Amino acid sequence: MKILVIGPSWVGDMMMSQSLYRTLRARYPQAIIDVMAPAWCRPLLARMPEVNEAISMPLGHGAFALSERRRLGLALREKRYDRAFVLPNSFKSALIPFFAHIPIRTGWRGEMRYGLLNDVRKLDKSAWPLMVERYIALAYDKGTMQSAKELPHPLLWPQLQVSEGEKGKVCAQFSIDDARPLIGFCPGAEFGPAKRWPHYHYASLAQSLIEDGYQITLFGSAKDKTAGEQIIAALPAEQQPWCRNLAGETELDQAVGLIAACQAIVTNDSGLMHVAAALGRPLVAVYGPSSPDFTPPLSNKARVIRLISGYHKIRKGAADEGYHQSLIDISPKRVLNELHGLLNNKEV
């Protein structure tokens, strides 16, 4: 069976989609699974052994581009796929498999995609509360399961593969030696500081960990660089050399290798949180207004700290309003206690 998956466009969603690929491979061991996704996804897809080929999606996230999607679909006809899975819920995301004449085109109903999809699933959000469950459900025939409780357990969570050689190579590339064990921080998040644990809390935690003999590396995109600089500036001068700000300095494949080399990760709700979970790194995830009820870190080595319940919507315009009080109230001491429990391999 040849399968085409139209993949998500965000780091966290792409990571969770691996559970579908793993489930498909478990059900159909001879299946060939190709994934069409933005080019930046290649470092993730290359570490998923279930994926045969990553096909670049050249169109931007918001681009409709009907003629280009038709051209892409026509070009895929020669691959003779037997089945397609469309993971985004948009109308436009279902166009390429339709134009490719793939016989079975599966996905959740989304934006009224009848016709484009011919194996349409109607979503009961209460029956399928987690995004990863919704992805996995698509691997099973329509109507065979009515809720996530009927899925075979344990679920096949994401698992990225990084070799020891790759870890050593990327650490050497960034002059990270093994004089001290490495702890990674992911202090960034979408929509600005409202979804970030405060930089001064990260700095306090870093100070305690450096005193304990660790070194700290900060990960993120270029827009997280300022947050990293704030963390380092808040440290005593003698500790600052043990905290590296690599936000905006690494490509995604390099960040994956470095995260794999970390003893543990402390992170906000972010795409890199899902990468760390898939790498099997012990991690502490701090949540504020965003909720772990839909997209939690999928790992038995993850601990989530959140002081409020429910989902609290934060718009981009709120980014300048500062840190959310529920995140301010999460103390560095509590995070450190959770982290020590994970590092000591004990329940906390």
C-alpha atoms as a PDB file:
ATOM      1  CA  MET A   1       0.000   0.000   0.000  1.00  0.00           C
ATOM      2  CA  LYS A   2       1.297   3.439  -0.940  1.00  0.00           C
ATOM      3  CA  ILE A   3       0.111   6.214   1.353  1.00  0.00           C
ATOM      4  CA  LEU A   4       0.361   9.988   1.048  1.00  0.00           C
ATOM      5  CA  VAL A   5      -0.117  12.095   4.160  1.00  0.00           C
ATOM      6  CA  ILE A   6      -0.780  15.818   3.914  1.00  0.00           C
ATOM      7  CA  GLY A   7       1.000  16.856   7.077  1.00  0.00           C
ATOM      8  CA  PRO A   8       0.578  19.749   9.497  1.00  0.00           C
ATOM      9  CA  SER A   9       2.445  23.052   9.308  1.00  0.00           C
ATOM     10  CA  TRP A  10       3.468  23.472  12.967  1.00  0.00           C
ATOM     11  CA  VAL A  11       6.273  21.777  14.916  1.00  0.00           C
ATOM     12  CA  GLY A  12       4.065  20.391  17.686  1.00  0.00           C
ATOM     13  CA  ASP A  13       1.395  19.108  15.295  1.00  0.00           C
ATOM     14  CA  MET A  14       4.021  17.524  13.049  1.00  0.00           C
ATOM     15  CA  MET A  15       5.487  15.715  16.028  1.00  0.00           C
ATOM     16  CA  MET A  16       2.106  14.364  17.108  1.00  0.00           C
ATOM     17  CA  SER A  17       1.342  13.219  13.574  1.00  0.00           C
ATOM     18  CA  GLN A  18       4.079  10.599  13.921  1.00  0.00           C
ATOM     19  CA  SER A  19       1.662   8.596  16.046  1.00  0.00           C
ATOM     20  CA  LEU A  20      -0.466   8.134  12.915  1.00  0.00           C
ATOM     21  CA  TYR A  21       2.544   6.976  10.896  1.00  0.00           C
ATOM     22  CA  ARG A  22       3.576   4.535  13.615  1.00  0.00           C
ATOM     23  CA  THR A  23       0.035   3.185  13.850  1.00  0.00           C
ATOM     24  CA  LEU A  24      -0.236   2.779  10.075  1.00  0.00           C
ATOM     25  CA  ARG A  25       3.073   0.938   9.965  1.00  0.00           C
ATOM     26  CA  ALA A  26       1.959  -1.345  12.815  1.00  0.00           C
ATOM     27  CA  ARG A  27      -1.285  -2.155  10.969  1.00  0.00           C
ATOM     28  CA  TYR A  28       0.243  -2.387   7.497  1.00  0.00           C
ATOM     29  CA  PRO A  29       3.925  -3.397   7.870  1.00  0.00           C
ATOM     30  CA  GLN A  30       4.591  -3.200   4.123  1.00  0.00           C
ATOM     31  CA  ALA A  31       3.060   0.251   3.700  1.00  0.00           C
ATOM     32  CA  ILE A  32       5.109   2.983   2.028  1.00  0.00           C
ATOM     33  CA  ILE A  33       4.326   6.277   3.751  1.00  0.00           C
ATOM     34  CA  ASP A  34       5.212   9.618   2.137  1.00  0.00           C
ATOM     35  CA  VAL A  35       4.482  12.917   3.887  1.00  0.00           C
ATOM     36  CA  MET A  36       3.901  16.242   2.133  1.00  0.00           C
ATOM     37  CA  ALA A  37       4.812  19.074   4.478  1.00  0.00           C
ATOM     38  CA  PRO A  38       6.739  22.373   4.539  1.00  0.00           C
ATOM     39  CA  ALA A  39      10.446  22.015   3.800  1.00  0.00           C
ATOM     40  CA  TRP A  40      11.416  22.954   7.355  1.00  0.00           C
ATOM     41  CA  CYS A  41       9.821  19.667   8.523  1.00  0.00           C
ATOM     42  CA  ARG A  42      12.496  17.543   6.859  1.00  0.00           C
ATOM     43  CA  PRO A  43      14.761  17.325   9.951  1.00  0.00           C
ATOM     44  CA  LEU A  44      11.829  15.870  11.898  1.00  0.00           C
ATOM     45  CA  LEU A  45      10.528  13.561   9.173  1.00  0.00           C
ATOM     46  CA  ALA A  46      14.061  12.282   8.519  1.00  0.00           C
ATOM     47  CA  ARG A  47      14.146  11.005  12.103  1.00  0.00           C
ATOM     48  CA  MET A  48      10.854   9.126  11.760  1.00  0.00           C
ATOM     49  CA  PRO A  49      11.704   5.626  10.468  1.00  0.00           C
ATOM     50  CA  GLU A  50       8.116   5.068   9.336  1.00  0.00           C
ATOM     51  CA  VAL A  51       8.371   7.846   6.723  1.00  0.00           C
ATOM     52  CA  ASN A  52       9.689   6.829   3.305  1.00  0.00           C
ATOM     53  CA  GLU A  53       9.903  10.283   1.711  1.00  0.00           C
ATOM     54  CA  ALA A  54       9.319  13.861   2.765  1.00  0.00           C
ATOM     55  CA  ILE A  55       7.715  15.732  -0.139  1.00  0.00           C
ATOM     56  CA  SER A  56       8.129  19.482   0.100  1.00  0.00           C
ATOM     57  CA  MET A  57       4.967  21.591   0.204  1.00  0.00           C
ATOM     58  CA  PRO A  58       6.066  24.799  -1.574  1.00  0.00           C
ATOM     59  CA  LEU A  59       2.971  26.829  -0.689  1.00  0.00           C
ATOM     60  CA  GLY A  60       2.743  29.011   2.389  1.00  0.00           C
ATOM     61  CA  HIS A  61       0.394  28.183   5.248  1.00  0.00           C
ATOM     62  CA  GLY A  62      -2.273  30.676   4.166  1.00  0.00           C
ATOM     63  CA  ALA A  63      -1.943  30.384   0.390  1.00  0.00           C
ATOM     64  CA  PHE A  64      -4.955  29.005  -1.498  1.00  0.00           C
ATOM     65  CA  ALA A  65      -3.206  28.888  -4.914  1.00  0.00           C
ATOM     66  CA  LEU A  66      -5.712  26.622  -6.643  1.00  0.00           C
ATOM     67  CA  SER A  67      -3.773  26.288  -9.903  1.00  0.00           C
ATOM     68  CA  GLU A  68      -0.543  25.417  -8.087  1.00  0.00           C
ATOM     69  CA  ARG A  69      -2.301  22.822  -5.953  1.00  0.00           C
ATOM     70  CA  ARG A  70      -3.766  21.314  -9.109  1.00  0.00           C
ATOM     71  CA  ARG A  71      -0.299  21.192 -10.655  1.00  0.00           C
ATOM     72  CA  LEU A  72       1.114  19.477  -7.567  1.00  0.00           C
ATOM     73  CA  GLY A  73      -1.717  16.956  -7.568  1.00  0.00           C
ATOM     74  CA  LEU A  74      -1.247  16.136 -11.253  1.00  0.00           C
ATOM     75  CA  ALA A  75       2.479  15.620 -10.670  1.00  0.00           C
ATOM     76  CA  LEU A  76       1.731  13.104  -7.906  1.00  0.00           C
ATOM     77  CA  ARG A  77      -0.471  10.908 -10.116  1.00  0.00           C
ATOM     78  CA  GLU A  78       2.569   9.024 -11.384  1.00  0.00           C
ATOM     79  CA  LYS A  79       3.310   7.826  -7.845  1.00  0.00           C
ATOM     80  CA  ARG A  80       0.011   5.901  -7.849  1.00  0.00           C
ATOM     81  CA  TYR A  81      -0.889   6.292  -4.203  1.00  0.00           C
ATOM     82  CA  ASP A  82      -3.580   3.966  -2.862  1.00  0.00           C
ATOM     83  CA  ARG A  83      -4.663   6.186  -0.016  1.00  0.00           C
ATOM     84  CA  ALA A  84      -4.287   9.709   1.358  1.00  0.00           C
ATOM     85  CA  PHE A  85      -4.676  11.067   4.870  1.00  0.00           C
ATOM     86  CA  VAL A  86      -5.300  14.818   5.166  1.00  0.00           C
ATOM     87  CA  LEU A  87      -4.399  16.049   8.652  1.00  0.00           C
ATOM     88  CA  PRO A  88      -5.098  19.811   8.434  1.00  0.00           C
ATOM     89  CA  ASN A  89      -8.791  20.669   8.598  1.00  0.00           C
ATOM     90  CA  SER A  90      -8.761  23.297   5.835  1.00  0.00           C
ATOM     91  CA  PHE A  91     -10.547  22.975   2.496  1.00  0.00           C
ATOM     92  CA  LYS A  92      -7.395  23.765   0.528  1.00  0.00           C
ATOM     93  CA  SER A  93      -5.367  21.022   2.220  1.00  0.00           C
ATOM     94  CA  ALA A  94      -7.643  18.368   0.638  1.00  0.00           C
ATOM     95  CA  LEU A  95      -7.189  19.640  -2.919  1.00  0.00           C
ATOM     96  CA  ILE A  96      -3.862  17.988  -3.794  1.00  0.00           C
ATOM     97  CA  PRO A  97      -4.968  14.375  -3.037  1.00  0.00           C
ATOM     98  CA  PHE A  98      -8.179  15.083  -4.995  1.00  0.00           C
ATOM     99  CA  PHE A  99      -6.259  16.325  -8.039  1.00  0.00           C
ATOM    100  CA  ALA A 100      -3.843  13.383  -7.656  1.00  0.00           C
ATOM    101  CA  HIS A 101      -6.806  10.978  -8.124  1.00  0.00           C
ATOM    102  CA  ILE A 102      -5.903   9.053  -4.968  1.00  0.00           C
ATOM    103  CA  PRO A 103      -8.730   6.490  -4.586  1.00  0.00           C
ATOM    104  CA  ILE A 104      -9.309   6.784  -0.818  1.00  0.00           C
ATOM    105  CA  ARG A 105      -8.955  10.223   0.780  1.00  0.00           C
ATOM    106  CA  THR A 106      -9.412  10.248   4.545  1.00  0.00           C
ATOM    107  CA  GLY A 107      -9.749  13.089   7.019  1.00  0.00           C
ATOM    108  CA  TRP A 108     -11.968  14.793   9.556  1.00  0.00           C
ATOM    109  CA  ARG A 109     -14.771  16.844   8.036  1.00  0.00           C
ATOM    110  CA  GLY A 110     -13.186  20.228   8.797  1.00  0.00           C
ATOM    111  CA  GLU A 111     -14.261  22.928   6.346  1.00  0.00           C
ATOM    112  CA  MET A 112     -17.065  20.946   4.641  1.00  0.00           C
ATOM    113  CA  ARG A 113     -14.762  18.859   2.428  1.00  0.00           C
ATOM    114  CA  TYR A 114     -17.320  16.398   1.066  1.00  0.00           C
ATOM    115  CA  GLY A 115     -16.257  15.403  -2.435  1.00  0.00           C
ATOM    116  CA  LEU A 116     -12.635  16.327  -1.919  1.00  0.00           C
ATOM    117  CA  LEU A 117     -12.527  13.671   0.802  1.00  0.00           C
ATOM    118  CA  ASN A 118     -14.458  10.457   0.217  1.00  0.00           C
ATOM    119  CA  ASP A 119     -13.738   8.949   3.640  1.00  0.00           C
ATOM    120  CA  VAL A 120     -14.960  11.815   5.805  1.00  0.00           C
ATOM    121  CA  ARG A 121     -15.062  11.492   9.586  1.00  0.00           C
ATOM    122  CA  LYS A 122     -17.377  13.624  11.687  1.00  0.00           C
ATOM    123  CA  LEU A 123     -15.613  14.790  14.834  1.00  0.00           C
ATOM    124  CA  ASP A 124     -17.129  14.543  18.293  1.00  0.00           C
ATOM    125  CA  LYS A 125     -14.582  16.558  20.258  1.00  0.00           C
ATOM    126  CA  SER A 126     -15.682  15.133  23.586  1.00  0.00           C
ATOM    127  CA  ALA A 127     -15.132  11.580  22.313  1.00  0.00           C
ATOM    128  CA  TRP A 128     -11.685  12.411  20.933  1.00  0.00           C
ATOM    129  CA  PRO A 129     -10.256  14.974  23.382  1.00  0.00           C
ATOM    130  CA  LEU A 130      -6.571  14.761  22.372  1.00  0.00           C
ATOM    131  CA  MET A 131      -5.147  15.792  19.015  1.00  0.00           C
ATOM    132  CA  VAL A 132      -2.957  12.679  18.935  1.00  0.00           C
ATOM    133  CA  GLU A 133      -6.051  10.487  19.377  1.00  0.00           C
ATOM    134  CA  ARG A 134      -7.717  12.189  16.428  1.00  0.00           C
ATOM    135  CA  TYR A 135      -4.685  11.493  14.264  1.00  0.00           C
ATOM    136  CA  ILE A 136      -4.471   7.842  15.315  1.00  0.00           C
ATOM    137  CA  ALA A 137      -8.206   7.308  14.788  1.00  0.00           C
ATOM    138  CA  LEU A 138      -7.788   7.975  11.071  1.00  0.00           C
ATOM    139  CA  ALA A 139      -5.720   4.787  10.745  1.00  0.00           C
ATOM    140  CA  TYR A 140      -8.820   2.689  11.500  1.00  0.00           C
ATOM    141  CA  ASP A 141     -11.849   2.105   9.305  1.00  0.00           C
ATOM    142  CA  LYS A 142     -14.690   4.576   9.573  1.00  0.00           C
ATOM    143  CA  GLY A 143     -17.265   3.670  12.213  1.00  0.00           C
ATOM    144  CA  THR A 144     -15.208   0.962  13.909  1.00  0.00           C
ATOM    145  CA  MET A 145     -14.529   3.162  16.937  1.00  0.00           C
ATOM    146  CA  GLN A 146     -16.786   5.677  18.591  1.00  0.00           C
ATOM    147  CA  SER A 147     -14.331   7.225  21.040  1.00  0.00           C
ATOM    148  CA  ALA A 148     -10.703   7.337  22.052  1.00  0.00           C
ATOM    149  CA  LYS A 149     -11.399   4.796  24.796  1.00  0.00           C
ATOM    150  CA  GLU A 150     -11.696   2.129  22.086  1.00  0.00           C
ATOM    151  CA  LEU A 151      -8.235   2.750  20.627  1.00  0.00           C
ATOM    152  CA  PRO A 152      -5.680  -0.009  21.282  1.00  0.00           C
ATOM    153  CA  HIS A 153      -3.450   0.960  24.180  1.00  0.00           C
ATOM    154  CA  PRO A 154      -0.755   1.895  24.793  1.00  0.00           C
ATOM    155  CA  LEU A 155      -0.907   4.491  22.057  1.00  0.00           C
ATOM    156  CA  LEU A 156       2.134   4.690  19.806  1.00  0.00           C
ATOM    157  CA  TRP A 157       3.539   8.038  20.846  1.00  0.00           C
ATOM    158  CA  PRO A 158       6.095   9.937  18.741  1.00  0.00           C
ATOM    159  CA  GLN A 159       9.694   8.704  18.874  1.00  0.00           C
ATOM    160  CA  LEU A 160      12.468  10.550  17.069  1.00  0.00           C
ATOM    161  CA  GLN A 161      15.792   8.836  16.403  1.00  0.00           C
ATOM    162  CA  VAL A 162      19.116  10.593  16.972  1.00  0.00           C
ATOM    163  CA  SER A 163      22.408   8.687  17.006  1.00  0.00           C
ATOM    164  CA  GLU A 164      25.100   9.142  19.642  1.00  0.00           C
ATOM    165  CA  GLY A 165      27.445  10.243  16.876  1.00  0.00           C
ATOM    166  CA  GLU A 166      25.073  13.010  15.826  1.00  0.00           C
ATOM    167  CA  LYS A 167      24.778  14.247  19.410  1.00  0.00           C
ATOM    168  CA  GLY A 168      28.548  14.412  19.758  1.00  0.00           C
ATOM    169  CA  LYS A 169      28.996  16.124  16.402  1.00  0.00           C
ATOM    170  CA  VAL A 170      26.475  18.886  17.032  1.00  0.00           C
ATOM    171  CA  CYS A 171      27.769  19.490  20.583  1.00  0.00           C
ATOM    172  CA  ALA A 172      31.276  19.895  19.172  1.00  0.00           C
ATOM    173  CA  GLN A 173      29.942  22.212  16.478  1.00  0.00           C
ATOM    174  CA  PHE A 174      28.645  24.573  19.181  1.00  0.00           C
ATOM    175  CA  SER A 175      31.615  24.028  21.526  1.00  0.00           C
ATOM    176  CA  ILE A 176      29.507  22.358  24.192  1.00  0.00           C
ATOM    177  CA  ASP A 177      31.835  20.065  26.122  1.00  0.00           C
ATOM    178  CA  ASP A 178      31.031  17.394  28.679  1.00  0.00           C
ATOM    179  CA  ALA A 179      32.628  19.215  31.608  1.00  0.00           C
ATOM    180  CA  ARG A 180      29.147  19.557  33.064  1.00  0.00           C
ATOM    181  CA  PRO A 181      25.905  17.698  32.256  1.00  0.00           C
ATOM    182  CA  LEU A 182      23.586  19.710  30.031  1.00  0.00           C
ATOM    183  CA  ILE A 183      20.100  21.004  30.849  1.00  0.00           C
ATOM    184  CA  GLY A 184      18.073  22.664  28.104  1.00  0.00           C
ATOM    185  CA  PHE A 185      15.593  25.506  28.509  1.00  0.00           C
ATOM    186  CA  CYS A 186      12.984  26.403  25.865  1.00  0.00           C
ATOM    187  CA  PRO A 187      11.864  29.833  27.106  1.00  0.00           C
ATOM    188  CA  GLY A 188       9.944  30.913  23.989  1.00  0.00           C
ATOM    189  CA  ALA A 189       6.285  30.536  23.068  1.00  0.00           C
ATOM    190  CA  GLU A 190       3.879  31.879  20.481  1.00  0.00           C
ATOM    191  CA  PHE A 191       2.074  35.186  21.096  1.00  0.00           C
ATOM    192  CA  GLY A 192       4.765  36.725  23.294  1.00  0.00           C
ATOM    193  CA  PRO A 193       5.275  36.743  27.068  1.00  0.00           C
ATOM    194  CA  ALA A 194       1.660  35.926  27.970  1.00  0.00           C
ATOM    195  CA  LYS A 195       2.408  32.224  27.430  1.00  0.00           C
ATOM    196  CA  ARG A 196       5.965  32.286  28.781  1.00  0.00           C
ATOM    197  CA  TRP A 197       7.276  31.440  32.205  1.00  0.00           C
ATOM    198  CA  PRO A 198       9.018  34.670  33.301  1.00  0.00           C
ATOM    199  CA  HIS A 199      12.657  35.103  32.332  1.00  0.00           C
ATOM    200  CA  TYR A 200      13.575  35.886  35.940  1.00  0.00           C
ATOM    201  CA  HIS A 201      12.153  32.503  37.019  1.00  0.00           C
ATOM    202  CA  TYR A 202      14.212  30.785  34.339  1.00  0.00           C
ATOM    203  CA  ALA A 203      17.247  32.699  35.608  1.00  0.00           C
ATOM    204  CA  SER A 204      16.607  31.641  39.199  1.00  0.00           C
ATOM    205  CA  LEU A 205      16.273  28.024  38.125  1.00  0.00           C
ATOM    206  CA  ALA A 206      19.445  28.273  36.031  1.00  0.00           C
ATOM    207  CA  GLN A 207      21.327  29.682  39.018  1.00  0.00           C
ATOM    208  CA  SER A 208      20.320  26.721  41.190  1.00  0.00           C
ATOM    209  CA  LEU A 209      21.227  24.196  38.492  1.00  0.00           C
ATOM    210  CA  ILE A 210      24.604  25.802  37.782  1.00  0.00           C
ATOM    211  CA  GLU A 211      25.331  25.709  41.511  1.00  0.00           C
ATOM    212  CA  ASP A 212      24.487  21.991  41.350  1.00  0.00           C
ATOM    213  CA  GLY A 213      27.106  21.462  38.623  1.00  0.00           C
ATOM    214  CA  TYR A 214      25.031  21.691  35.420  1.00  0.00           C
ATOM    215  CA  GLN A 215      25.409  23.869  32.349  1.00  0.00           C
ATOM    216  CA  ILE A 216      22.411  25.441  30.612  1.00  0.00           C
ATOM    217  CA  THR A 217      21.604  25.869  26.936  1.00  0.00           C
ATOM    218  CA  LEU A 218      18.697  28.015  25.743  1.00  0.00           C
ATOM    219  CA  PHE A 219      16.817  26.929  22.612  1.00  0.00           C
ATOM    220  CA  GLY A 220      14.330  28.716  20.399  1.00  0.00           C
ATOM    221  CA  SER A 221      13.868  30.773  17.261  1.00  0.00           C
ATOM    222  CA  ALA A 222      15.332  34.188  16.523  1.00  0.00           C
ATOM    223  CA  LYS A 223      12.344  35.878  18.147  1.00  0.00           C
ATOM    224  CA  ASP A 224      13.232  34.124  21.428  1.00  0.00           C
ATOM    225  CA  LYS A 225      16.772  35.496  21.478  1.00  0.00           C
ATOM    226  CA  THR A 226      15.839  38.524  23.586  1.00  0.00           C
ATOM    227  CA  ALA A 227      14.236  36.299  26.229  1.00  0.00           C
ATOM    228  CA  GLY A 228      17.466  34.276  26.329  1.00  0.00           C
ATOM    229  CA  GLU A 229      19.534  37.430  26.751  1.00  0.00           C
ATOM    230  CA  GLN A 230      17.309  38.501  29.635  1.00  0.00           C
ATOM    231  CA  ILE A 231      17.842  35.162  31.368  1.00  0.00           C
ATOM    232  CA  ILE A 232      21.629  35.370  31.081  1.00  0.00           C
ATOM    233  CA  ALA A 233      21.713  39.024  32.168  1.00  0.00           C
ATOM    234  CA  ALA A 234      19.844  38.100  35.360  1.00  0.00           C
ATOM    235  CA  LEU A 235      22.530  35.573  36.367  1.00  0.00           C
ATOM    236  CA  PRO A 236      25.539  36.432  38.528  1.00  0.00           C
ATOM    237  CA  ALA A 237      28.525  37.309  36.333  1.00  0.00           C
ATOM    238  CA  GLU A 238      30.490  34.241  37.399  1.00  0.00           C
ATOM    239  CA  GLN A 239      27.660  31.922  36.291  1.00  0.00           C
ATOM    240  CA  GLN A 240      26.968  33.482  32.909  1.00  0.00           C
ATOM    241  CA  PRO A 241      29.635  31.434  31.050  1.00  0.00           C
ATOM    242  CA  TRP A 242      27.684  28.278  31.994  1.00  0.00           C
ATOM    243  CA  CYS A 243      24.524  29.482  30.233  1.00  0.00           C
ATOM    244  CA  ARG A 244      24.513  29.602  26.416  1.00  0.00           C
ATOM    245  CA  ASN A 245      21.854  31.385  24.403  1.00  0.00           C
ATOM    246  CA  LEU A 246      21.421  29.468  21.139  1.00  0.00           C
ATOM    247  CA  ALA A 247      17.974  30.879  20.328  1.00  0.00           C
ATOM    248  CA  GLY A 248      18.084  31.828  16.668  1.00  0.00           C
ATOM    249  CA  GLU A 249      21.555  30.319  16.256  1.00  0.00           C
ATOM    250  CA  THR A 250      20.585  26.748  15.351  1.00  0.00           C
ATOM    251  CA  GLU A 251      18.805  25.125  12.456  1.00  0.00           C
ATOM    252  CA  LEU A 252      16.018  22.763  13.485  1.00  0.00           C
ATOM    253  CA  ASP A 253      18.100  19.656  12.853  1.00  0.00           C
ATOM    254  CA  GLN A 254      20.870  21.039  15.072  1.00  0.00           C
ATOM    255  CA  ALA A 255      18.404  21.908  17.828  1.00  0.00           C
ATOM    256  CA  VAL A 256      17.031  18.355  17.724  1.00  0.00           C
ATOM    257  CA  GLY A 257      20.532  16.925  18.134  1.00  0.00           C
ATOM    258  CA  LEU A 258      21.350  19.244  21.018  1.00  0.00           C
ATOM    259  CA  ILE A 259      18.065  18.573  22.809  1.00  0.00           C
ATOM    260  CA  ALA A 260      18.768  14.853  22.474  1.00  0.00           C
ATOM    261  CA  ALA A 261      22.098  15.462  24.247  1.00  0.00           C
ATOM    262  CA  CYS A 262      20.444  17.164  27.230  1.00  0.00           C
ATOM    263  CA  GLN A 263      19.936  15.435  30.556  1.00  0.00           C
ATOM    264  CA  ALA A 264      16.559  17.166  30.859  1.00  0.00           C
ATOM    265  CA  ILE A 265      14.481  20.015  29.430  1.00  0.00           C
ATOM    266  CA  VAL A 266      12.441  22.796  31.048  1.00  0.00           C
ATOM    267  CA  THR A 267      10.003  24.329  28.605  1.00  0.00           C
ATOM    268  CA  ASN A 268       6.947  26.422  27.999  1.00  0.00           C
ATOM    269  CA  ASP A 269       4.083  25.066  25.899  1.00  0.00           C
ATOM    270  CA  SER A 270       5.905  25.064  22.559  1.00  0.00           C
ATOM    271  CA  GLY A 271       6.821  22.988  19.538  1.00  0.00           C
ATOM    272  CA  LEU A 272      10.222  22.170  21.029  1.00  0.00           C
ATOM    273  CA  MET A 273       8.417  20.715  24.055  1.00  0.00           C
ATOM    274  CA  HIS A 274       6.962  18.045  21.746  1.00  0.00           C
ATOM    275  CA  VAL A 275      10.370  17.454  20.175  1.00  0.00           C
ATOM    276  CA  ALA A 276      11.908  16.885  23.616  1.00  0.00           C
ATOM    277  CA  ALA A 277       9.093  14.485  24.547  1.00  0.00           C
ATOM    278  CA  ALA A 278       9.603  12.493  21.332  1.00  0.00           C
ATOM    279  CA  LEU A 279      13.324  12.277  22.103  1.00  0.00           C
ATOM    280  CA  GLY A 280      12.547  10.709  25.465  1.00  0.00           C
ATOM    281  CA  ARG A 281      14.127  13.549  27.413  1.00  0.00           C
ATOM    282  CA  PRO A 282      12.898  14.064  30.988  1.00  0.00           C
ATOM    283  CA  LEU A 283      11.046  17.353  30.832  1.00  0.00           C
ATOM    284  CA  VAL A 284       9.108  19.795  32.965  1.00  0.00           C
ATOM    285  CA  ALA A 285       6.498  21.767  31.019  1.00  0.00           C
ATOM    286  CA  VAL A 286       5.072  24.952  32.532  1.00  0.00           C
ATOM    287  CA  TYR A 287       1.628  25.987  31.308  1.00  0.00           C
ATOM    288  CA  GLY A 288      -0.324  29.182  31.806  1.00  0.00           C
ATOM    289  CA  PRO A 289      -3.357  30.242  29.726  1.00  0.00           C
ATOM    290  CA  SER A 290      -2.811  27.513  27.113  1.00  0.00           C
ATOM    291  CA  SER A 291      -4.080  24.095  28.152  1.00  0.00           C
ATOM    292  CA  PRO A 292      -2.381  20.679  28.219  1.00  0.00           C
ATOM    293  CA  ASP A 293      -5.786  19.024  27.831  1.00  0.00           C
ATOM    294  CA  PHE A 294      -5.547  18.947  24.008  1.00  0.00           C
ATOM    295  CA  THR A 295      -1.838  18.750  23.170  1.00  0.00           C
ATOM    296  CA  PRO A 296       0.131  17.614  26.233  1.00  0.00           C
ATOM    297  CA  PRO A 297       3.730  16.397  26.004  1.00  0.00           C
ATOM    298  CA  LEU A 298       3.466  12.725  25.022  1.00  0.00           C
ATOM    299  CA  SER A 299       5.988  11.103  27.323  1.00  0.00           C
ATOM    300  CA  ASN A 300       6.028   9.161  30.559  1.00  0.00           C
ATOM    301  CA  LYS A 301       9.052  11.270  31.499  1.00  0.00           C
ATOM    302  CA  ALA A 302       7.135  14.557  31.314  1.00  0.00           C
ATOM    303  CA  ARG A 303       5.757  16.534  34.212  1.00  0.00           C
ATOM    304  CA  VAL A 304       3.232  19.326  33.613  1.00  0.00           C
ATOM    305  CA  ILE A 305       2.845  22.229  36.045  1.00  0.00           C
ATOM    306  CA  ARG A 306      -0.262  24.368  35.709  1.00  0.00           C
ATOM    307  CA  LEU A 307      -2.065  26.363  38.400  1.00  0.00           C
ATOM    308  CA  ILE A 308      -5.319  27.151  36.572  1.00  0.00           C
ATOM    309  CA  SER A 309      -7.908  25.092  34.727  1.00  0.00           C
ATOM    310  CA  GLY A 310      -9.602  25.528  31.386  1.00  0.00           C
ATOM    311  CA  TYR A 311      -8.395  27.364  28.306  1.00  0.00           C
ATOM    312  CA  HIS A 312      -7.781  31.110  28.456  1.00  0.00           C
ATOM    313  CA  LYS A 313      -7.506  32.662  25.010  1.00  0.00           C
ATOM    314  CA  ILE A 314      -4.593  35.012  24.471  1.00  0.00           C
ATOM    315  CA  ARG A 315      -4.491  37.046  21.279  1.00  0.00           C
ATOM    316  CA  LYS A 316      -1.392  38.436  19.613  1.00  0.00           C
ATOM    317  CA  GLY A 317      -2.417  41.910  20.693  1.00  0.00           C
ATOM    318  CA  ALA A 318      -2.006  40.833  24.296  1.00  0.00           C
ATOM    319  CA  ALA A 319       1.686  40.076  23.793  1.00  0.00           C
ATOM    320  CA  ASP A 320       2.781  43.404  25.266  1.00  0.00           C
ATOM    321  CA  GLU A 321       0.761  42.990  28.433  1.00  0.00           C
ATOM    322  CA  GLY A 322       3.480  40.954  30.123  1.00  0.00           C
ATOM    323  CA  TYR A 323       3.600  37.589  31.826  1.00  0.00           C
ATOM    324  CA  HIS A 324       0.387  35.820  32.753  1.00  0.00           C
ATOM    325  CA  GLN A 325      -0.185  35.752  36.504  1.00  0.00           C
ATOM    326  CA  SER A 326      -0.676  31.983  36.533  1.00  0.00           C
ATOM    327  CA  LEU A 327       2.847  31.594  35.127  1.00  0.00           C
ATOM    328  CA  ILE A 328       4.317  34.147  37.508  1.00  0.00           C
ATOM    329  CA  ASP A 329       2.876  32.094  40.370  1.00  0.00           C
ATOM    330  CA  ILE A 330       4.774  28.931  39.363  1.00  0.00           C
ATOM    331  CA  SER A 331       7.860  29.140  41.542  1.00  0.00           C
ATOM    332  CA  PRO A 332      11.364  28.124  40.414  1.00  0.00           C
ATOM    333  CA  LYS A 333      11.574  25.944  43.527  1.00  0.00           C
ATOM    334  CA  ARG A 334       8.593  23.880  42.412  1.00  0.00           C
ATOM    335  CA  VAL A 335      10.052  23.393  38.952  1.00  0.00           C
ATOM    336  CA  LEU A 336      13.413  22.466  40.484  1.00  0.00           C
ATOM    337  CA  ASN A 337      11.747  19.869  42.722  1.00  0.00           C
ATOM    338  CA  GLU A 338       9.983  18.302  39.744  1.00  0.00           C
ATOM    339  CA  LEU A 339      13.221  18.342  37.778  1.00  0.00           C
ATOM    340  CA  HIS A 340      15.185  16.714  40.592  1.00  0.00           C
ATOM    341  CA  GLY A 341      12.553  13.987  40.785  1.00  0.00           C
ATOM    342  CA  LEU A 342      12.973  13.245  37.100  1.00  0.00           C
ATOM    343  CA  LEU A 343      16.763  13.372  37.206  1.00  0.00           C
ATOM    344  CA  ASN A 344      16.762  10.999  40.154  1.00  0.00           C
ATOM    345  CA  ASN A 345      14.243   8.801  38.322  1.00  0.00           C
ATOM    346  CA  LYS A 346      11.755   9.058  41.135  1.00  0.00           C
ATOM    347  CA  GLU A 347       8.059   9.895  41.227  1.00  0.00           C
ATOM    348  CA  VAL A 348       7.369  13.407  42.502  1.00  0.00           C
END
